[in-house]
Amino acid sequence: MNPPQPPFDPEAVPTEAIVSHGGRDLRLTWENGETAVLPSETLRLRCRCAWCTRDRIQGRFPAAFPAVAVTKIDPLGGYAVNLGFSDGHARGIFPWVYLRALAREAAAPTTGATERTPRAA
């Protein structure tokens, strides 16, 4: 028996994903006209791979990645991308649903609430 397919929302898949400003931003555009610019540092800080998760639990995850850039973006099965960063990290899988949630979170007005990591639907 095959495991269940990962969550997939076709509306979360952007029509355009461009690494810009020398890798400093990931620019996303969706069919409904929604756009977002996600800084590479935000993406690196929000990586949910096993290594980053372990480092967070062990208190070894950096608080910032000020000079990091996105160096590669590889599609994964239509539901996600693998991002590579200039610090050599390239283990994170970023589902489109997660990137859209990060974009909406960044666009939302801040209320002083603590930061939470959006979950893929």
PDB file of N, CA and C in Angstrom:
ATOM      1  N   MET A   1       0.837  -1.173   0.000  1.00  0.00           N
ATOM      2  CA  MET A   1       0.000   0.000   0.000  1.00  0.00           C
ATOM      3  C   MET A   1       0.890   1.246   0.000  1.00  0.00           C
ATOM      4  N   ASN A   2       0.582   2.168  -0.882  1.00  0.00           N
ATOM      5  CA  ASN A   2       1.331   3.420  -0.971  1.00  0.00           C
ATOM      6  C   ASN A   2       0.894   4.377   0.122  1.00  0.00           C
ATOM      7  N   PRO A   3       1.827   5.200   0.608  1.00  0.00           N
ATOM      8  CA  PRO A   3       1.420   6.216   1.594  1.00  0.00           C
ATOM      9  C   PRO A   3       0.519   7.245   0.927  1.00  0.00           C
ATOM     10  N   PRO A   4      -0.265   7.968   1.723  1.00  0.00           N
ATOM     11  CA  PRO A   4      -1.140   8.986   1.117  1.00  0.00           C
ATOM     12  C   PRO A   4      -0.324  10.074   0.437  1.00  0.00           C
ATOM     13  N   GLN A   5      -0.908  10.665  -0.564  1.00  0.00           N
ATOM     14  CA  GLN A   5      -0.257  11.763  -1.274  1.00  0.00           C
ATOM     15  C   GLN A   5      -0.152  12.974  -0.350  1.00  0.00           C
ATOM     16  N   PRO A   6       0.879  13.804  -0.543  1.00  0.00           N
ATOM     17  CA  PRO A   6       0.983  15.011   0.276  1.00  0.00           C
ATOM     18  C   PRO A   6      -0.190  15.944  -0.027  1.00  0.00           C
ATOM     19  N   PRO A   7      -0.520  16.815   0.937  1.00  0.00           N
ATOM     20  CA  PRO A   7      -1.613  17.758   0.673  1.00  0.00           C
ATOM     21  C   PRO A   7      -1.301  18.588  -0.560  1.00  0.00           C
ATOM     22  N   PHE A   8      -2.309  18.816  -1.359  1.00  0.00           N
ATOM     23  CA  PHE A   8      -2.090  19.564  -2.591  1.00  0.00           C
ATOM     24  C   PHE A   8      -3.282  20.471  -2.842  1.00  0.00           C
ATOM     25  N   ASP A   9      -3.016  21.725  -3.061  1.00  0.00           N
ATOM     26  CA  ASP A   9      -4.029  22.695  -3.423  1.00  0.00           C
ATOM     27  C   ASP A   9      -3.566  23.323  -4.729  1.00  0.00           C
ATOM     28  N   PRO A  10      -4.219  23.003  -5.841  1.00  0.00           N
ATOM     29  CA  PRO A  10      -3.769  23.533  -7.121  1.00  0.00           C
ATOM     30  C   PRO A  10      -3.739  25.061  -7.161  1.00  0.00           C
ATOM     31  N   GLU A  11      -4.561  25.721  -6.362  1.00  0.00           N
ATOM     32  CA  GLU A  11      -4.565  27.180  -6.335  1.00  0.00           C
ATOM     33  C   GLU A  11      -3.330  27.747  -5.638  1.00  0.00           C
ATOM     34  N   ALA A  12      -2.607  26.916  -4.888  1.00  0.00           N
ATOM     35  CA  ALA A  12      -1.399  27.369  -4.197  1.00  0.00           C
ATOM     36  C   ALA A  12      -0.183  27.370  -5.124  1.00  0.00           C
ATOM     37  N   VAL A  13      -0.282  26.693  -6.247  1.00  0.00           N
ATOM     38  CA  VAL A  13       0.841  26.612  -7.185  1.00  0.00           C
ATOM     39  C   VAL A  13       0.925  27.939  -7.952  1.00  0.00           C
ATOM     40  N   PRO A  14       2.041  28.642  -7.817  1.00  0.00           N
ATOM     41  CA  PRO A  14       2.153  29.929  -8.518  1.00  0.00           C
ATOM     42  C   PRO A  14       2.319  29.737 -10.018  1.00  0.00           C
ATOM     43  N   THR A  15       1.933  30.755 -10.748  1.00  0.00           N
ATOM     44  CA  THR A  15       2.158  30.744 -12.192  1.00  0.00           C
ATOM     45  C   THR A  15       3.583  31.174 -12.503  1.00  0.00           C
ATOM     46  N   GLU A  16       4.219  31.821 -11.525  1.00  0.00           N
ATOM     47  CA  GLU A  16       5.590  32.278 -11.714  1.00  0.00           C
ATOM     48  C   GLU A  16       6.323  32.247 -10.378  1.00  0.00           C
ATOM     49  N   ALA A  17       7.529  31.721 -10.392  1.00  0.00           N
ATOM     50  CA  ALA A  17       8.419  31.718  -9.224  1.00  0.00           C
ATOM     51  C   ALA A  17       9.803  32.104  -9.720  1.00  0.00           C
ATOM     52  N   ILE A  18      10.267  33.266  -9.302  1.00  0.00           N
ATOM     53  CA  ILE A  18      11.524  33.807  -9.817  1.00  0.00           C
ATOM     54  C   ILE A  18      12.441  34.165  -8.660  1.00  0.00           C
ATOM     55  N   VAL A  19      13.675  33.697  -8.732  1.00  0.00           N
ATOM     56  CA  VAL A  19      14.701  34.117  -7.786  1.00  0.00           C
ATOM     57  C   VAL A  19      15.244  35.441  -8.317  1.00  0.00           C
ATOM     58  N   SER A  20      15.195  36.490  -7.479  1.00  0.00           N
ATOM     59  CA  SER A  20      15.601  37.815  -7.948  1.00  0.00           C
ATOM     60  C   SER A  20      16.577  38.477  -6.985  1.00  0.00           C
ATOM     61  N   HIS A  21      17.054  39.636  -7.383  1.00  0.00           N
ATOM     62  CA  HIS A  21      18.014  40.423  -6.600  1.00  0.00           C
ATOM     63  C   HIS A  21      19.218  39.591  -6.180  1.00  0.00           C
ATOM     64  N   GLY A  22      19.780  38.873  -7.125  1.00  0.00           N
ATOM     65  CA  GLY A  22      20.973  38.079  -6.837  1.00  0.00           C
ATOM     66  C   GLY A  22      20.726  36.971  -5.830  1.00  0.00           C
ATOM     67  N   GLY A  23      19.490  36.467  -5.811  1.00  0.00           N
ATOM     68  CA  GLY A  23      19.143  35.392  -4.894  1.00  0.00           C
ATOM     69  C   GLY A  23      18.597  35.871  -3.561  1.00  0.00           C
ATOM     70  N   ARG A  24      18.458  37.169  -3.397  1.00  0.00           N
ATOM     71  CA  ARG A  24      17.996  37.722  -2.116  1.00  0.00           C
ATOM     72  C   ARG A  24      16.493  37.577  -1.908  1.00  0.00           C
ATOM     73  N   ASP A  25      15.723  37.347  -2.989  1.00  0.00           N
ATOM     74  CA  ASP A  25      14.263  37.239  -2.911  1.00  0.00           C
ATOM     75  C   ASP A  25      13.754  36.092  -3.763  1.00  0.00           C
ATOM     76  N   LEU A  26      12.609  35.564  -3.356  1.00  0.00           N
ATOM     77  CA  LEU A  26      11.841  34.655  -4.194  1.00  0.00           C
ATOM     78  C   LEU A  26      10.530  35.373  -4.476  1.00  0.00           C
ATOM     79  N   ARG A  27      10.295  35.673  -5.753  1.00  0.00           N
ATOM     80  CA  ARG A  27       9.085  36.392  -6.151  1.00  0.00           C
ATOM     81  C   ARG A  27       8.082  35.386  -6.707  1.00  0.00           C
ATOM     82  N   LEU A  28       6.865  35.435  -6.165  1.00  0.00           N
ATOM     83  CA  LEU A  28       5.814  34.494  -6.547  1.00  0.00           C
ATOM     84  C   LEU A  28       4.604  35.261  -7.069  1.00  0.00           C
ATOM     85  N   THR A  29       3.977  34.710  -8.111  1.00  0.00           N
ATOM     86  CA  THR A  29       2.754  35.268  -8.667  1.00  0.00           C
ATOM     87  C   THR A  29       1.773  34.126  -8.862  1.00  0.00           C
ATOM     88  N   TRP A  30       0.528  34.344  -8.426  1.00  0.00           N
ATOM     89  CA  TRP A  30      -0.508  33.333  -8.577  1.00  0.00           C
ATOM     90  C   TRP A  30      -1.522  33.775  -9.617  1.00  0.00           C
ATOM     91  N   GLU A  31      -2.259  32.803 -10.127  1.00  0.00           N
ATOM     92  CA  GLU A  31      -3.225  33.052 -11.197  1.00  0.00           C
ATOM     93  C   GLU A  31      -4.271  34.093 -10.798  1.00  0.00           C
ATOM     94  N   ASN A  32      -4.613  34.167  -9.517  1.00  0.00           N
ATOM     95  CA  ASN A  32      -5.637  35.106  -9.065  1.00  0.00           C
ATOM     96  C   ASN A  32      -5.113  36.541  -8.939  1.00  0.00           C
ATOM     97  N   GLY A  33      -3.840  36.770  -9.312  1.00  0.00           N
ATOM     98  CA  GLY A  33      -3.251  38.097  -9.255  1.00  0.00           C
ATOM     99  C   GLY A  33      -2.472  38.374  -7.978  1.00  0.00           C
ATOM    100  N   GLU A  34      -2.573  37.489  -7.013  1.00  0.00           N
ATOM    101  CA  GLU A  34      -1.829  37.636  -5.766  1.00  0.00           C
ATOM    102  C   GLU A  34      -0.330  37.530  -6.070  1.00  0.00           C
ATOM    103  N   THR A  35       0.461  38.382  -5.440  1.00  0.00           N
ATOM    104  CA  THR A  35       1.912  38.343  -5.602  1.00  0.00           C
ATOM    105  C   THR A  35       2.571  38.409  -4.236  1.00  0.00           C
ATOM    106  N   ALA A  36       3.795  37.957  -4.167  1.00  0.00           N
ATOM    107  CA  ALA A  36       4.543  38.008  -2.910  1.00  0.00           C
ATOM    108  C   ALA A  36       6.027  38.033  -3.208  1.00  0.00           C
ATOM    109  N   VAL A  37       6.765  38.637  -2.305  1.00  0.00           N
ATOM    110  CA  VAL A  37       8.223  38.618  -2.343  1.00  0.00           C
ATOM    111  C   VAL A  37       8.664  38.076  -0.995  1.00  0.00           C
ATOM    112  N   LEU A  38       9.301  36.911  -1.021  1.00  0.00           N
ATOM    113  CA  LEU A  38       9.795  36.300   0.205  1.00  0.00           C
ATOM    114  C   LEU A  38      11.313  36.440   0.250  1.00  0.00           C
ATOM    115  N   PRO A  39      11.833  37.151   1.240  1.00  0.00           N
ATOM    116  CA  PRO A  39      13.289  37.292   1.354  1.00  0.00           C
ATOM    117  C   PRO A  39      13.955  35.939   1.602  1.00  0.00           C
ATOM    118  N   SER A  40      15.133  35.761   1.051  1.00  0.00           N
ATOM    119  CA  SER A  40      15.853  34.499   1.209  1.00  0.00           C
ATOM    120  C   SER A  40      16.134  34.198   2.677  1.00  0.00           C
ATOM    121  N   GLU A  41      16.403  35.218   3.476  1.00  0.00           N
ATOM    122  CA  GLU A  41      16.656  34.981   4.892  1.00  0.00           C
ATOM    123  C   GLU A  41      15.417  34.403   5.572  1.00  0.00           C
ATOM    124  N   THR A  42      14.252  34.917   5.237  1.00  0.00           N
ATOM    125  CA  THR A  42      13.007  34.380   5.795  1.00  0.00           C
ATOM    126  C   THR A  42      12.850  32.920   5.420  1.00  0.00           C
ATOM    127  N   LEU A  43      13.097  32.599   4.161  1.00  0.00           N
ATOM    128  CA  LEU A  43      12.967  31.215   3.707  1.00  0.00           C
ATOM    129  C   LEU A  43      13.942  30.305   4.443  1.00  0.00           C
ATOM    130  N   ARG A  44      15.179  30.765   4.600  1.00  0.00           N
ATOM    131  CA  ARG A  44      16.187  29.944   5.292  1.00  0.00           C
ATOM    132  C   ARG A  44      15.807  29.750   6.758  1.00  0.00           C
ATOM    133  N   LEU A  45      15.305  30.803   7.387  1.00  0.00           N
ATOM    134  CA  LEU A  45      14.892  30.706   8.787  1.00  0.00           C
ATOM    135  C   LEU A  45      13.677  29.808   8.979  1.00  0.00           C
ATOM    136  N   ARG A  46      12.843  29.701   7.954  1.00  0.00           N
ATOM    137  CA  ARG A  46      11.608  28.933   8.068  1.00  0.00           C
ATOM    138  C   ARG A  46      11.709  27.538   7.464  1.00  0.00           C
ATOM    139  N   CYS A  47      12.917  27.099   7.132  1.00  0.00           N
ATOM    140  CA  CYS A  47      13.103  25.743   6.620  1.00  0.00           C
ATOM    141  C   CYS A  47      12.633  24.744   7.670  1.00  0.00           C
ATOM    142  N   ARG A  48      11.894  23.722   7.218  1.00  0.00           N
ATOM    143  CA  ARG A  48      11.355  22.724   8.135  1.00  0.00           C
ATOM    144  C   ARG A  48      11.991  21.352   7.955  1.00  0.00           C
ATOM    145  N   CYS A  49      13.162  21.299   7.341  1.00  0.00           N
ATOM    146  CA  CYS A  49      13.802  19.996   7.138  1.00  0.00           C
ATOM    147  C   CYS A  49      14.195  19.392   8.484  1.00  0.00           C
ATOM    148  N   ALA A  50      14.541  18.125   8.477  1.00  0.00           N
ATOM    149  CA  ALA A  50      14.888  17.418   9.713  1.00  0.00           C
ATOM    150  C   ALA A  50      16.103  18.042  10.401  1.00  0.00           C
ATOM    151  N   TRP A  51      17.081  18.487   9.625  1.00  0.00           N
ATOM    152  CA  TRP A  51      18.291  19.068  10.214  1.00  0.00           C
ATOM    153  C   TRP A  51      17.971  20.389  10.914  1.00  0.00           C
ATOM    154  N   CYS A  52      17.204  21.236  10.259  1.00  0.00           N
ATOM    155  CA  CYS A  52      16.845  22.522  10.868  1.00  0.00           C
ATOM    156  C   CYS A  52      15.941  22.315  12.079  1.00  0.00           C
ATOM    157  N   THR A  53      15.021  21.385  11.976  1.00  0.00           N
ATOM    158  CA  THR A  53      14.136  21.086  13.106  1.00  0.00           C
ATOM    159  C   THR A  53      14.946  20.589  14.292  1.00  0.00           C
ATOM    160  N   ARG A  54      15.883  19.689  14.054  1.00  0.00           N
ATOM    161  CA  ARG A  54      16.746  19.181  15.132  1.00  0.00           C
ATOM    162  C   ARG A  54      17.535  20.315  15.769  1.00  0.00           C
ATOM    163  N   ASP A  55      18.127  21.172  14.932  1.00  0.00           N
ATOM    164  CA  ASP A  55      18.915  22.287  15.466  1.00  0.00           C
ATOM    165  C   ASP A  55      18.063  23.250  16.289  1.00  0.00           C
ATOM    166  N   ARG A  56      16.801  23.449  15.892  1.00  0.00           N
ATOM    167  CA  ARG A  56      15.911  24.297  16.691  1.00  0.00           C
ATOM    168  C   ARG A  56      15.661  23.652  18.056  1.00  0.00           C
ATOM    169  N   ILE A  57      15.365  22.372  18.055  1.00  0.00           N
ATOM    170  CA  ILE A  57      15.093  21.647  19.305  1.00  0.00           C
ATOM    171  C   ILE A  57      16.302  21.686  20.227  1.00  0.00           C
ATOM    172  N   GLN A  58      17.475  21.561  19.653  1.00  0.00           N
ATOM    173  CA  GLN A  58      18.709  21.546  20.444  1.00  0.00           C
ATOM    174  C   GLN A  58      19.241  22.949  20.745  1.00  0.00           C
ATOM    175  N   GLY A  59      18.521  23.982  20.304  1.00  0.00           N
ATOM    176  CA  GLY A  59      18.932  25.351  20.565  1.00  0.00           C
ATOM    177  C   GLY A  59      20.161  25.793  19.799  1.00  0.00           C
ATOM    178  N   ARG A  60      20.427  25.140  18.661  1.00  0.00           N
ATOM    179  CA  ARG A  60      21.616  25.465  17.857  1.00  0.00           C
ATOM    180  C   ARG A  60      21.276  26.159  16.548  1.00  0.00           C
ATOM    181  N   PHE A  61      20.012  26.482  16.338  1.00  0.00           N
ATOM    182  CA  PHE A  61      19.611  27.105  15.066  1.00  0.00           C
ATOM    183  C   PHE A  61      19.904  28.594  15.139  1.00  0.00           C
ATOM    184  N   PRO A  62      20.578  29.154  14.134  1.00  0.00           N
ATOM    185  CA  PRO A  62      20.900  30.585  14.160  1.00  0.00           C
ATOM    186  C   PRO A  62      19.647  31.459  14.206  1.00  0.00           C
ATOM    187  N   ALA A  63      19.783  32.613  14.797  1.00  0.00           N
ATOM    188  CA  ALA A  63      18.676  33.574  14.870  1.00  0.00           C
ATOM    189  C   ALA A  63      18.547  34.367  13.577  1.00  0.00           C
ATOM    190  N   ALA A  64      19.586  34.360  12.752  1.00  0.00           N
ATOM    191  CA  ALA A  64      19.562  35.136  11.508  1.00  0.00           C
ATOM    192  C   ALA A  64      20.508  34.516  10.490  1.00  0.00           C
ATOM    193  N   PHE A  65      20.213  34.799   9.235  1.00  0.00           N
ATOM    194  CA  PHE A  65      21.068  34.425   8.102  1.00  0.00           C
ATOM    195  C   PHE A  65      21.186  35.664   7.213  1.00  0.00           C
ATOM    196  N   PRO A  66      21.850  36.717   7.686  1.00  0.00           N
ATOM    197  CA  PRO A  66      21.797  38.020   7.016  1.00  0.00           C
ATOM    198  C   PRO A  66      22.324  38.069   5.591  1.00  0.00           C
ATOM    199  N   ALA A  67      23.245  37.241   5.218  1.00  0.00           N
ATOM    200  CA  ALA A  67      23.820  37.327   3.868  1.00  0.00           C
ATOM    201  C   ALA A  67      23.419  36.156   2.977  1.00  0.00           C
ATOM    202  N   VAL A  68      22.476  35.337   3.412  1.00  0.00           N
ATOM    203  CA  VAL A  68      22.123  34.146   2.645  1.00  0.00           C
ATOM    204  C   VAL A  68      21.339  34.518   1.385  1.00  0.00           C
ATOM    205  N   ALA A  69      21.544  33.727   0.347  1.00  0.00           N
ATOM    206  CA  ALA A  69      20.829  33.914  -0.919  1.00  0.00           C
ATOM    207  C   ALA A  69      20.306  32.564  -1.389  1.00  0.00           C
ATOM    208  N   VAL A  70      19.224  32.587  -2.130  1.00  0.00           N
ATOM    209  CA  VAL A  70      18.716  31.375  -2.769  1.00  0.00           C
ATOM    210  C   VAL A  70      19.586  31.132  -3.996  1.00  0.00           C
ATOM    211  N   THR A  71      20.151  29.937  -4.095  1.00  0.00           N
ATOM    212  CA  THR A  71      21.032  29.618  -5.217  1.00  0.00           C
ATOM    213  C   THR A  71      20.407  28.635  -6.196  1.00  0.00           C
ATOM    214  N   LYS A  72      19.332  27.955  -5.766  1.00  0.00           N
ATOM    215  CA  LYS A  72      18.652  27.046  -6.698  1.00  0.00           C
ATOM    216  C   LYS A  72      17.212  26.864  -6.271  1.00  0.00           C
ATOM    217  N   ILE A  73      16.391  26.591  -7.258  1.00  0.00           N
ATOM    218  CA  ILE A  73      14.987  26.280  -7.027  1.00  0.00           C
ATOM    219  C   ILE A  73      14.645  25.134  -7.972  1.00  0.00           C
ATOM    220  N   ASP A  74      14.361  23.983  -7.390  1.00  0.00           N
ATOM    221  CA  ASP A  74      14.050  22.792  -8.186  1.00  0.00           C
ATOM    222  C   ASP A  74      12.641  22.317  -7.869  1.00  0.00           C
ATOM    223  N   PRO A  75      11.779  22.187  -8.882  1.00  0.00           N
ATOM    224  CA  PRO A  75      10.425  21.700  -8.631  1.00  0.00           C
ATOM    225  C   PRO A  75      10.431  20.245  -8.165  1.00  0.00           C
ATOM    226  N   LEU A  76       9.465  19.926  -7.316  1.00  0.00           N
ATOM    227  CA  LEU A  76       9.297  18.561  -6.810  1.00  0.00           C
ATOM    228  C   LEU A  76       7.856  18.123  -7.039  1.00  0.00           C
ATOM    229  N   GLY A  77       7.634  17.347  -8.039  1.00  0.00           N
ATOM    230  CA  GLY A  77       6.329  16.741  -8.268  1.00  0.00           C
ATOM    231  C   GLY A  77       5.161  17.690  -8.426  1.00  0.00           C
ATOM    232  N   GLY A  78       5.387  18.936  -8.706  1.00  0.00           N
ATOM    233  CA  GLY A  78       4.297  19.873  -8.902  1.00  0.00           C
ATOM    234  C   GLY A  78       3.701  20.428  -7.627  1.00  0.00           C
ATOM    235  N   TYR A  79       4.041  19.875  -6.469  1.00  0.00           N
ATOM    236  CA  TYR A  79       3.444  20.334  -5.215  1.00  0.00           C
ATOM    237  C   TYR A  79       4.410  21.150  -4.363  1.00  0.00           C
ATOM    238  N   ALA A  80       5.692  21.174  -4.724  1.00  0.00           N
ATOM    239  CA  ALA A  80       6.687  21.825  -3.875  1.00  0.00           C
ATOM    240  C   ALA A  80       7.931  22.164  -4.678  1.00  0.00           C
ATOM    241  N   VAL A  81       8.852  22.868  -4.002  1.00  0.00           N
ATOM    242  CA  VAL A  81      10.171  23.128  -4.558  1.00  0.00           C
ATOM    243  C   VAL A  81      11.215  22.824  -3.498  1.00  0.00           C
ATOM    244  N   ASN A  82      12.387  22.447  -3.969  1.00  0.00           N
ATOM    245  CA  ASN A  82      13.552  22.305  -3.112  1.00  0.00           C
ATOM    246  C   ASN A  82      14.384  23.556  -3.343  1.00  0.00           C
ATOM    247  N   LEU A  83      14.688  24.255  -2.252  1.00  0.00           N
ATOM    248  CA  LEU A  83      15.499  25.460  -2.361  1.00  0.00           C
ATOM    249  C   LEU A  83      16.898  25.186  -1.854  1.00  0.00           C
ATOM    250  N   GLY A  84      17.874  25.707  -2.572  1.00  0.00           N
ATOM    251  CA  GLY A  84      19.261  25.662  -2.138  1.00  0.00           C
ATOM    252  C   GLY A  84      19.693  27.065  -1.757  1.00  0.00           C
ATOM    253  N   PHE A  85      20.567  27.159  -0.762  1.00  0.00           N
ATOM    254  CA  PHE A  85      20.992  28.456  -0.242  1.00  0.00           C
ATOM    255  C   PHE A  85      22.504  28.591  -0.324  1.00  0.00           C
ATOM    256  N   SER A  86      22.966  29.834  -0.312  1.00  0.00           N
ATOM    257  CA  SER A  86      24.390  30.117  -0.450  1.00  0.00           C
ATOM    258  C   SER A  86      25.229  29.618   0.724  1.00  0.00           C
ATOM    259  N   ASP A  87      24.602  29.279   1.848  1.00  0.00           N
ATOM    260  CA  ASP A  87      25.354  28.721   2.976  1.00  0.00           C
ATOM    261  C   ASP A  87      25.540  27.213   2.832  1.00  0.00           C
ATOM    262  N   GLY A  88      25.124  26.654   1.681  1.00  0.00           N
ATOM    263  CA  GLY A  88      25.291  25.235   1.414  1.00  0.00           C
ATOM    264  C   GLY A  88      24.085  24.388   1.784  1.00  0.00           C
ATOM    265  N   HIS A  89      23.120  24.966   2.471  1.00  0.00           N
ATOM    266  CA  HIS A  89      21.934  24.209   2.873  1.00  0.00           C
ATOM    267  C   HIS A  89      21.027  24.000   1.665  1.00  0.00           C
ATOM    268  N   ALA A  90      20.641  22.756   1.413  1.00  0.00           N
ATOM    269  CA  ALA A  90      19.763  22.463   0.273  1.00  0.00           C
ATOM    270  C   ALA A  90      18.873  21.265   0.579  1.00  0.00           C
ATOM    271  N   ARG A  91      18.461  21.126   1.820  1.00  0.00           N
ATOM    272  CA  ARG A  91      17.662  19.964   2.222  1.00  0.00           C
ATOM    273  C   ARG A  91      16.177  20.254   2.367  1.00  0.00           C
ATOM    274  N   GLY A  92      15.811  21.528   2.367  1.00  0.00           N
ATOM    275  CA  GLY A  92      14.424  21.883   2.636  1.00  0.00           C
ATOM    276  C   GLY A  92      13.509  21.692   1.448  1.00  0.00           C
ATOM    277  N   ILE A  93      12.351  21.104   1.721  1.00  0.00           N
ATOM    278  CA  ILE A  93      11.286  21.000   0.731  1.00  0.00           C
ATOM    279  C   ILE A  93      10.217  21.994   1.156  1.00  0.00           C
ATOM    280  N   PHE A  94       9.886  22.896   0.254  1.00  0.00           N
ATOM    281  CA  PHE A  94       8.936  23.954   0.536  1.00  0.00           C
ATOM    282  C   PHE A  94       7.686  23.729  -0.313  1.00  0.00           C
ATOM    283  N   PRO A  95       6.637  23.121   0.265  1.00  0.00           N
ATOM    284  CA  PRO A  95       5.393  22.961  -0.504  1.00  0.00           C
ATOM    285  C   PRO A  95       4.837  24.326  -0.890  1.00  0.00           C
ATOM    286  N   TRP A  96       4.208  24.393  -2.050  1.00  0.00           N
ATOM    287  CA  TRP A  96       3.616  25.651  -2.499  1.00  0.00           C
ATOM    288  C   TRP A  96       2.616  26.164  -1.481  1.00  0.00           C
ATOM    289  N   VAL A  97       1.873  25.262  -0.844  1.00  0.00           N
ATOM    290  CA  VAL A  97       0.899  25.657   0.179  1.00  0.00           C
ATOM    291  C   VAL A  97       1.608  26.384   1.321  1.00  0.00           C
ATOM    292  N   TYR A  98       2.765  25.894   1.715  1.00  0.00           N
ATOM    293  CA  TYR A  98       3.541  26.510   2.786  1.00  0.00           C
ATOM    294  C   TYR A  98       4.069  27.880   2.357  1.00  0.00           C
ATOM    295  N   LEU A  99       4.578  27.981   1.134  1.00  0.00           N
ATOM    296  CA  LEU A  99       5.083  29.271   0.640  1.00  0.00           C
ATOM    297  C   LEU A  99       3.960  30.301   0.532  1.00  0.00           C
ATOM    298  N   ARG A 100       2.783  29.877   0.100  1.00  0.00           N
ATOM    299  CA  ARG A 100       1.651  30.807   0.036  1.00  0.00           C
ATOM    300  C   ARG A 100       1.277  31.265   1.441  1.00  0.00           C
ATOM    301  N   ALA A 101       1.315  30.337   2.410  1.00  0.00           N
ATOM    302  CA  ALA A 101       1.020  30.715   3.800  1.00  0.00           C
ATOM    303  C   ALA A 101       2.064  31.693   4.337  1.00  0.00           C
ATOM    304  N   LEU A 102       3.335  31.464   4.029  1.00  0.00           N
ATOM    305  CA  LEU A 102       4.382  32.406   4.444  1.00  0.00           C
ATOM    306  C   LEU A 102       4.144  33.779   3.824  1.00  0.00           C
ATOM    307  N   ALA A 103       3.760  33.803   2.559  1.00  0.00           N
ATOM    308  CA  ALA A 103       3.502  35.068   1.865  1.00  0.00           C
ATOM    309  C   ALA A 103       2.333  35.802   2.506  1.00  0.00           C
ATOM    310  N   ARG A 104       1.280  35.090   2.813  1.00  0.00           N
ATOM    311  CA  ARG A 104       0.114  35.722   3.438  1.00  0.00           C
ATOM    312  C   ARG A 104       0.440  36.180   4.855  1.00  0.00           C
ATOM    313  N   GLU A 105       1.241  35.399   5.552  1.00  0.00           N
ATOM    314  CA  GLU A 105       1.661  35.788   6.901  1.00  0.00           C
ATOM    315  C   GLU A 105       2.479  37.077   6.849  1.00  0.00           C
ATOM    316  N   ALA A 106       3.371  37.172   5.871  1.00  0.00           N
ATOM    317  CA  ALA A 106       4.208  38.365   5.736  1.00  0.00           C
ATOM    318  C   ALA A 106       3.374  39.592   5.378  1.00  0.00           C
ATOM    319  N   ALA A 107       2.285  39.385   4.647  1.00  0.00           N
ATOM    320  CA  ALA A 107       1.443  40.502   4.223  1.00  0.00           C
ATOM    321  C   ALA A 107       0.439  40.912   5.295  1.00  0.00           C
ATOM    322  N   ALA A 108       0.197  40.041   6.269  1.00  0.00           N
ATOM    323  CA  ALA A 108      -0.792  40.329   7.309  1.00  0.00           C
ATOM    324  C   ALA A 108      -0.265  41.381   8.278  1.00  0.00           C
ATOM    325  N   PRO A 109      -1.144  42.236   8.769  1.00  0.00           N
ATOM    326  CA  PRO A 109      -0.696  43.214   9.764  1.00  0.00           C
ATOM    327  C   PRO A 109      -0.245  42.502  11.033  1.00  0.00           C
ATOM    328  N   THR A 110       0.805  43.011  11.643  1.00  0.00           N
ATOM    329  CA  THR A 110       1.308  42.395  12.871  1.00  0.00           C
ATOM    330  C   THR A 110       0.461  42.851  14.045  1.00  0.00           C
ATOM    331  N   THR A 111       0.199  41.904  14.945  1.00  0.00           N
ATOM    332  CA  THR A 111      -0.625  42.192  16.112  1.00  0.00           C
ATOM    333  C   THR A 111       0.144  41.975  17.397  1.00  0.00           C
ATOM    334  N   GLY A 112       1.439  41.729  17.286  1.00  0.00           N
ATOM    335  CA  GLY A 112       2.233  41.474  18.473  1.00  0.00           C
ATOM    336  C   GLY A 112       2.180  40.027  18.915  1.00  0.00           C
ATOM    337  N   ALA A 113       1.497  39.183  18.163  1.00  0.00           N
ATOM    338  CA  ALA A 113       1.417  37.767  18.513  1.00  0.00           C
ATOM    339  C   ALA A 113       2.757  37.102  18.235  1.00  0.00           C
ATOM    340  N   THR A 114       2.996  35.999  18.888  1.00  0.00           N
ATOM    341  CA  THR A 114       4.232  35.273  18.658  1.00  0.00           C
ATOM    342  C   THR A 114       4.198  34.642  17.283  1.00  0.00           C
ATOM    343  N   GLU A 115       5.371  34.503  16.683  1.00  0.00           N
ATOM    344  CA  GLU A 115       5.485  33.932  15.342  1.00  0.00           C
ATOM    345  C   GLU A 115       5.202  32.450  15.392  1.00  0.00           C
ATOM    346  N   ARG A 116       4.403  31.988  14.415  1.00  0.00           N
ATOM    347  CA  ARG A 116       4.126  30.568  14.284  1.00  0.00           C
ATOM    348  C   ARG A 116       4.490  30.141  12.889  1.00  0.00           C
ATOM    349  N   THR A 117       4.892  28.895  12.755  1.00  0.00           N
ATOM    350  CA  THR A 117       5.198  28.351  11.446  1.00  0.00           C
ATOM    351  C   THR A 117       3.915  27.841  10.827  1.00  0.00           C
ATOM    352  N   PRO A 118       3.514  28.384   9.655  1.00  0.00           N
ATOM    353  CA  PRO A 118       2.308  27.879   9.009  1.00  0.00           C
ATOM    354  C   PRO A 118       2.469  26.415   8.654  1.00  0.00           C
ATOM    355  N   ARG A 119       1.384  25.708   8.684  1.00  0.00           N
ATOM    356  CA  ARG A 119       1.398  24.290   8.322  1.00  0.00           C
ATOM    357  C   ARG A 119       0.795  24.120   6.944  1.00  0.00           C
ATOM    358  N   ALA A 120       1.324  23.167   6.219  1.00  0.00           N
ATOM    359  CA  ALA A 120       0.737  22.846   4.922  1.00  0.00           C
ATOM    360  C   ALA A 120      -0.655  22.315   5.151  1.00  0.00           C
ATOM    361  N   ALA A 121      -1.587  22.692   4.270  1.00  0.00           N
ATOM    362  CA  ALA A 121      -2.973  22.245   4.419  1.00  0.00           C
ATOM    363  C   ALA A 121      -3.095  20.767   4.210  1.00  0.00           C
TER     364      ALA A 121
END
